[in-house]
Structure formats: C-alpha cells, structure tokens
Amino acid sequence: MKKRKNSRDRGSGASELVSRKEQLVDSLKLPKDLLLGASIVTLTGNREAWIENYKGIIEYSDTFVLLQGKTCQICIAGKGLSIDYYTNEDMKISGCIQCVRYE
C-alpha cells in the first residue's frame, strides 16, 4: 500500500515556491528570463557565446569564465577564451568553447 504525501512531506518551502512560480510563468506563457531572472546562454557553434541576465564575473582566464547568475553559476570552459565585450546586461565570449556547466 502506497503512502500518500501530504503538504508536510513535500520538502522545503523555498523549492516548492520556485516550482510554483515556474508553473505560473509557464501557464501564462510569459518569458522566464524577465520574471524569474533566468540567464540566457546562446552558443554559435563552439566559437561564440552570448550570455544575458548575469550578475557578475567571478573568475576569468583564457581557459574558463565563471559567471554569477541569479540562481546559479555559469562556467564556460575552453581554450583561448576572451570576453569581447560586456555590459551590465550581456556579454560575448569567443574562443574554442568546450563545455558550458551550470553549478
């Protein structure tokens, strides 16, 4: 016989609140980047990356760029990486991109 979960068994309230926000945004078909502060990472092959909605640069070298997003960190690893430009809202990274990781 399966035990039914009640509201006390569901876990932390913070993760449940995020899930409810995501469900609401999905049901209303609203852009997640605006309402949830989600970062947008756009890759063009393995040579260029555009990152929108990031908070700051944590660490930067020619082999990786570590950025702080609202909900996670974004690590772009590769060879010969350089930040071509950045503003408070977006940036462009170029080089040989081997990996994009969310931590």
N, C-alpha and C. Protein backbone atom coordinates (compact mmCIF):
# COMPACT_ATOMS: atom_id res chain seq x y z
N MET A 1 0.83 -1.17 0.00
CA MET A 1 0.00 0.00 0.00
C MET A 1 0.89 1.25 0.00
N LYS A 2 0.63 2.18 -0.90
CA LYS A 2 1.42 3.39 -1.02
C LYS A 2 0.95 4.43 -0.01
N LYS A 3 1.92 5.11 0.56
CA LYS A 3 1.62 6.18 1.48
C LYS A 3 1.39 7.46 0.68
N ARG A 4 0.33 8.14 0.96
CA ARG A 4 0.04 9.40 0.29
C ARG A 4 0.80 10.51 0.99
N LYS A 5 1.38 11.39 0.21
CA LYS A 5 2.12 12.51 0.77
C LYS A 5 1.17 13.65 1.06
N ASN A 6 1.38 14.26 2.20
CA ASN A 6 0.61 15.47 2.48
C ASN A 6 1.55 16.67 2.39
N SER A 7 1.07 17.86 2.65
CA SER A 7 1.87 19.06 2.47
C SER A 7 3.08 19.10 3.38
N ARG A 8 3.06 18.41 4.52
CA ARG A 8 4.21 18.41 5.42
C ARG A 8 5.33 17.51 4.89
N ASP A 9 5.06 16.58 3.99
CA ASP A 9 6.04 15.64 3.47
C ASP A 9 6.76 16.12 2.23
N ARG A 10 6.42 17.27 1.71
CA ARG A 10 6.92 17.68 0.40
C ARG A 10 8.33 18.25 0.41
N GLY A 11 8.89 18.61 1.49
CA GLY A 11 10.24 19.16 1.48
C GLY A 11 10.24 20.64 1.77
N SER A 12 11.30 21.30 1.35
CA SER A 12 11.47 22.71 1.72
C SER A 12 10.46 23.60 1.00
N GLY A 13 10.02 24.62 1.70
CA GLY A 13 9.07 25.56 1.14
C GLY A 13 9.67 26.40 0.05
N ALA A 14 10.98 26.68 0.12
CA ALA A 14 11.63 27.53 -0.89
C ALA A 14 11.61 26.87 -2.25
N SER A 15 11.94 25.59 -2.33
CA SER A 15 11.94 24.91 -3.63
C SER A 15 10.53 24.76 -4.17
N GLU A 16 9.56 24.59 -3.27
CA GLU A 16 8.17 24.48 -3.70
C GLU A 16 7.69 25.82 -4.25
N LEU A 17 8.13 26.92 -3.63
CA LEU A 17 7.76 28.25 -4.11
C LEU A 17 8.32 28.52 -5.49
N VAL A 18 9.59 28.14 -5.73
CA VAL A 18 10.19 28.31 -7.05
C VAL A 18 9.42 27.51 -8.08
N SER A 19 9.07 26.28 -7.73
CA SER A 19 8.32 25.43 -8.64
C SER A 19 6.96 26.06 -8.98
N ARG A 20 6.30 26.61 -8.00
CA ARG A 20 5.00 27.25 -8.25
C ARG A 20 5.16 28.46 -9.15
N LYS A 21 6.24 29.24 -8.93
CA LYS A 21 6.49 30.39 -9.80
C LYS A 21 6.71 29.94 -11.23
N GLU A 22 7.52 28.88 -11.41
CA GLU A 22 7.78 28.37 -12.75
C GLU A 22 6.50 27.87 -13.41
N GLN A 23 5.64 27.19 -12.64
CA GLN A 23 4.37 26.70 -13.19
C GLN A 23 3.49 27.86 -13.62
N LEU A 24 3.45 28.92 -12.80
CA LEU A 24 2.64 30.08 -13.14
C LEU A 24 3.14 30.76 -14.41
N VAL A 25 4.47 30.95 -14.49
CA VAL A 25 5.07 31.58 -15.67
C VAL A 25 4.80 30.74 -16.90
N ASP A 26 4.94 29.40 -16.78
CA ASP A 26 4.66 28.50 -17.91
C ASP A 26 3.20 28.58 -18.35
N SER A 27 2.29 28.56 -17.39
CA SER A 27 0.87 28.55 -17.73
C SER A 27 0.43 29.86 -18.39
N LEU A 28 1.06 30.96 -18.00
CA LEU A 28 0.72 32.26 -18.60
C LEU A 28 1.52 32.55 -19.86
N LYS A 29 2.45 31.65 -20.19
CA LYS A 29 3.30 31.79 -21.36
C LYS A 29 4.07 33.12 -21.35
N LEU A 30 4.65 33.43 -20.17
CA LEU A 30 5.43 34.65 -20.00
C LEU A 30 6.92 34.31 -20.09
N PRO A 31 7.76 35.27 -20.47
CA PRO A 31 9.19 34.99 -20.61
C PRO A 31 9.86 34.74 -19.25
N LYS A 32 10.52 33.59 -19.12
CA LYS A 32 11.16 33.21 -17.86
C LYS A 32 12.32 34.14 -17.51
N ASP A 33 13.02 34.60 -18.52
CA ASP A 33 14.17 35.47 -18.22
C ASP A 33 13.73 36.75 -17.52
N LEU A 34 12.58 37.29 -17.87
CA LEU A 34 12.13 38.52 -17.25
C LEU A 34 11.56 38.30 -15.85
N LEU A 35 10.74 37.28 -15.70
CA LEU A 35 10.04 37.09 -14.44
C LEU A 35 10.84 36.31 -13.41
N LEU A 36 11.66 35.36 -13.83
CA LEU A 36 12.42 34.54 -12.89
C LEU A 36 13.88 34.95 -12.82
N GLY A 37 14.30 35.85 -13.69
CA GLY A 37 15.70 36.27 -13.71
C GLY A 37 16.63 35.23 -14.29
N ALA A 38 16.10 34.33 -15.10
CA ALA A 38 16.90 33.26 -15.67
C ALA A 38 17.92 33.82 -16.66
N SER A 39 19.12 33.26 -16.62
CA SER A 39 20.16 33.64 -17.57
C SER A 39 19.87 32.99 -18.91
N ILE A 40 20.28 33.67 -19.97
CA ILE A 40 20.13 33.14 -21.32
C ILE A 40 21.53 32.97 -21.89
N VAL A 41 21.86 31.74 -22.29
CA VAL A 41 23.15 31.44 -22.90
C VAL A 41 22.88 31.00 -24.33
N THR A 42 23.44 31.74 -25.29
CA THR A 42 23.26 31.41 -26.70
C THR A 42 24.63 31.10 -27.29
N LEU A 43 24.76 29.90 -27.87
CA LEU A 43 26.02 29.47 -28.47
C LEU A 43 25.90 29.50 -29.98
N THR A 44 26.97 29.94 -30.63
CA THR A 44 27.08 29.82 -32.07
C THR A 44 28.23 28.85 -32.32
N GLY A 45 27.87 27.61 -32.61
CA GLY A 45 28.87 26.56 -32.73
C GLY A 45 29.65 26.45 -31.44
N ASN A 46 30.96 26.25 -31.56
CA ASN A 46 31.79 26.22 -30.36
C ASN A 46 32.73 27.42 -30.31
N ARG A 47 32.40 28.47 -31.07
CA ARG A 47 33.30 29.64 -31.17
C ARG A 47 32.81 30.88 -30.43
N GLU A 48 31.51 31.03 -30.21
CA GLU A 48 30.99 32.23 -29.57
C GLU A 48 29.87 31.89 -28.60
N ALA A 49 29.80 32.66 -27.50
CA ALA A 49 28.71 32.53 -26.54
C ALA A 49 28.24 33.92 -26.15
N TRP A 50 26.93 34.11 -26.13
CA TRP A 50 26.33 35.35 -25.65
C TRP A 50 25.59 34.99 -24.37
N ILE A 51 25.84 35.74 -23.33
CA ILE A 51 25.20 35.50 -22.04
C ILE A 51 24.43 36.75 -21.66
N GLU A 52 23.14 36.55 -21.35
CA GLU A 52 22.29 37.65 -20.91
C GLU A 52 21.81 37.37 -19.49
N ASN A 53 21.51 38.41 -18.75
CA ASN A 53 20.98 38.33 -17.38
C ASN A 53 21.95 37.66 -16.42
N TYR A 54 23.18 38.07 -16.42
CA TYR A 54 24.13 37.58 -15.44
C TYR A 54 24.36 38.69 -14.42
N LYS A 55 24.82 38.33 -13.23
CA LYS A 55 25.04 39.33 -12.18
C LYS A 55 26.46 39.85 -12.15
N GLY A 56 27.44 38.99 -12.44
CA GLY A 56 28.82 39.45 -12.39
C GLY A 56 29.80 38.38 -12.82
N ILE A 57 31.04 38.81 -13.00
CA ILE A 57 32.13 37.90 -13.36
C ILE A 57 32.84 37.51 -12.07
N ILE A 58 32.89 36.21 -11.79
CA ILE A 58 33.56 35.71 -10.58
C ILE A 58 35.03 35.47 -10.85
N GLU A 59 35.31 34.80 -11.96
CA GLU A 59 36.70 34.48 -12.31
C GLU A 59 36.82 34.42 -13.83
N TYR A 60 38.01 34.77 -14.33
CA TYR A 60 38.19 34.85 -15.78
C TYR A 60 39.63 34.52 -16.13
N SER A 61 39.81 33.61 -17.08
CA SER A 61 41.14 33.31 -17.64
C SER A 61 40.94 32.89 -19.09
N ASP A 62 42.02 32.50 -19.76
CA ASP A 62 41.88 32.09 -21.15
C ASP A 62 41.35 30.66 -21.29
N THR A 63 41.18 29.95 -20.16
CA THR A 63 40.64 28.58 -20.21
C THR A 63 39.24 28.45 -19.61
N PHE A 64 38.79 29.43 -18.82
CA PHE A 64 37.41 29.39 -18.34
C PHE A 64 36.95 30.77 -17.86
N VAL A 65 35.62 30.93 -17.93
CA VAL A 65 34.97 32.14 -17.43
C VAL A 65 33.87 31.67 -16.49
N LEU A 66 33.90 32.14 -15.25
CA LEU A 66 32.91 31.78 -14.26
C LEU A 66 32.06 33.00 -13.96
N LEU A 67 30.75 32.88 -14.21
CA LEU A 67 29.81 33.98 -14.04
C LEU A 67 28.80 33.66 -12.95
N GLN A 68 28.32 34.69 -12.28
CA GLN A 68 27.25 34.51 -11.30
C GLN A 68 25.94 34.91 -11.93
N GLY A 69 25.01 33.96 -11.96
CA GLY A 69 23.65 34.25 -12.39
C GLY A 69 22.79 34.49 -11.18
N LYS A 70 21.50 34.68 -11.37
CA LYS A 70 20.61 34.90 -10.24
C LYS A 70 20.42 33.63 -9.43
N THR A 71 20.32 32.49 -10.12
CA THR A 71 20.01 31.24 -9.41
C THR A 71 21.16 30.24 -9.41
N CYS A 72 22.20 30.49 -10.21
CA CYS A 72 23.31 29.53 -10.28
C CYS A 72 24.54 30.21 -10.86
N GLN A 73 25.64 29.48 -10.86
CA GLN A 73 26.85 29.96 -11.51
C GLN A 73 26.96 29.29 -12.88
N ILE A 74 27.52 30.01 -13.83
CA ILE A 74 27.69 29.50 -15.19
C ILE A 74 29.18 29.46 -15.47
N CYS A 75 29.69 28.28 -15.82
CA CYS A 75 31.11 28.12 -16.12
C CYS A 75 31.26 27.77 -17.59
N ILE A 76 32.00 28.57 -18.31
CA ILE A 76 32.30 28.30 -19.72
C ILE A 76 33.78 27.96 -19.80
N ALA A 77 34.08 26.74 -20.24
CA ALA A 77 35.46 26.26 -20.29
C ALA A 77 35.87 26.04 -21.74
N GLY A 78 37.16 26.22 -22.02
CA GLY A 78 37.66 26.02 -23.37
C GLY A 78 39.11 26.46 -23.48
N LYS A 79 39.49 26.84 -24.69
CA LYS A 79 40.86 27.30 -24.97
C LYS A 79 40.80 28.65 -25.66
N GLY A 80 41.73 29.52 -25.31
CA GLY A 80 41.81 30.83 -25.96
C GLY A 80 40.57 31.68 -25.77
N LEU A 81 39.92 31.57 -24.62
CA LEU A 81 38.69 32.33 -24.38
C LEU A 81 39.00 33.79 -24.09
N SER A 82 38.16 34.65 -24.59
CA SER A 82 38.27 36.08 -24.28
C SER A 82 36.88 36.68 -24.22
N ILE A 83 36.74 37.66 -23.38
CA ILE A 83 35.48 38.40 -23.29
C ILE A 83 35.60 39.56 -24.28
N ASP A 84 34.84 39.49 -25.36
CA ASP A 84 34.90 40.52 -26.40
C ASP A 84 34.29 41.84 -25.91
N TYR A 85 33.16 41.74 -25.22
CA TYR A 85 32.56 42.93 -24.61
C TYR A 85 31.64 42.47 -23.50
N TYR A 86 31.35 43.39 -22.58
CA TYR A 86 30.34 43.11 -21.57
C TYR A 86 29.71 44.41 -21.09
N THR A 87 28.45 44.29 -20.72
CA THR A 87 27.70 45.39 -20.12
C THR A 87 27.07 44.84 -18.84
N ASN A 88 26.24 45.62 -18.21
CA ASN A 88 25.54 45.14 -17.02
C ASN A 88 24.51 44.07 -17.36
N GLU A 89 24.15 43.94 -18.63
CA GLU A 89 23.08 43.04 -19.03
C GLU A 89 23.54 41.84 -19.85
N ASP A 90 24.59 42.00 -20.65
CA ASP A 90 25.00 40.90 -21.51
C ASP A 90 26.50 40.93 -21.78
N MET A 91 27.00 39.83 -22.33
CA MET A 91 28.41 39.76 -22.71
C MET A 91 28.58 38.77 -23.84
N LYS A 92 29.71 38.91 -24.53
CA LYS A 92 30.07 37.99 -25.61
C LYS A 92 31.44 37.41 -25.29
N ILE A 93 31.51 36.07 -25.34
CA ILE A 93 32.76 35.35 -25.12
C ILE A 93 33.10 34.63 -26.41
N SER A 94 34.36 34.72 -26.82
CA SER A 94 34.77 34.00 -28.02
C SER A 94 36.00 33.16 -27.72
N GLY A 95 36.27 32.19 -28.57
CA GLY A 95 37.36 31.25 -28.41
C GLY A 95 36.87 29.85 -28.75
N CYS A 96 37.60 28.85 -28.35
CA CYS A 96 37.19 27.46 -28.57
C CYS A 96 36.46 26.97 -27.33
N ILE A 97 35.13 26.99 -27.35
CA ILE A 97 34.30 26.61 -26.20
C ILE A 97 34.14 25.09 -26.19
N GLN A 98 34.55 24.48 -25.08
CA GLN A 98 34.48 23.02 -24.96
C GLN A 98 33.35 22.58 -24.04
N CYS A 99 32.95 23.43 -23.11
CA CYS A 99 31.96 22.99 -22.11
C CYS A 99 31.26 24.19 -21.51
N VAL A 100 29.94 24.05 -21.29
CA VAL A 100 29.16 25.03 -20.54
C VAL A 100 28.52 24.26 -19.39
N ARG A 101 28.80 24.70 -18.16
CA ARG A 101 28.33 23.99 -16.97
C ARG A 101 27.57 24.96 -16.06
N TYR A 102 26.49 24.46 -15.47
CA TYR A 102 25.72 25.24 -14.51
C TYR A 102 25.95 24.63 -13.14
N GLU A 103 26.42 25.45 -12.20
CA GLU A 103 26.76 24.94 -10.86
C GLU A 103 25.88 25.57 -9.82
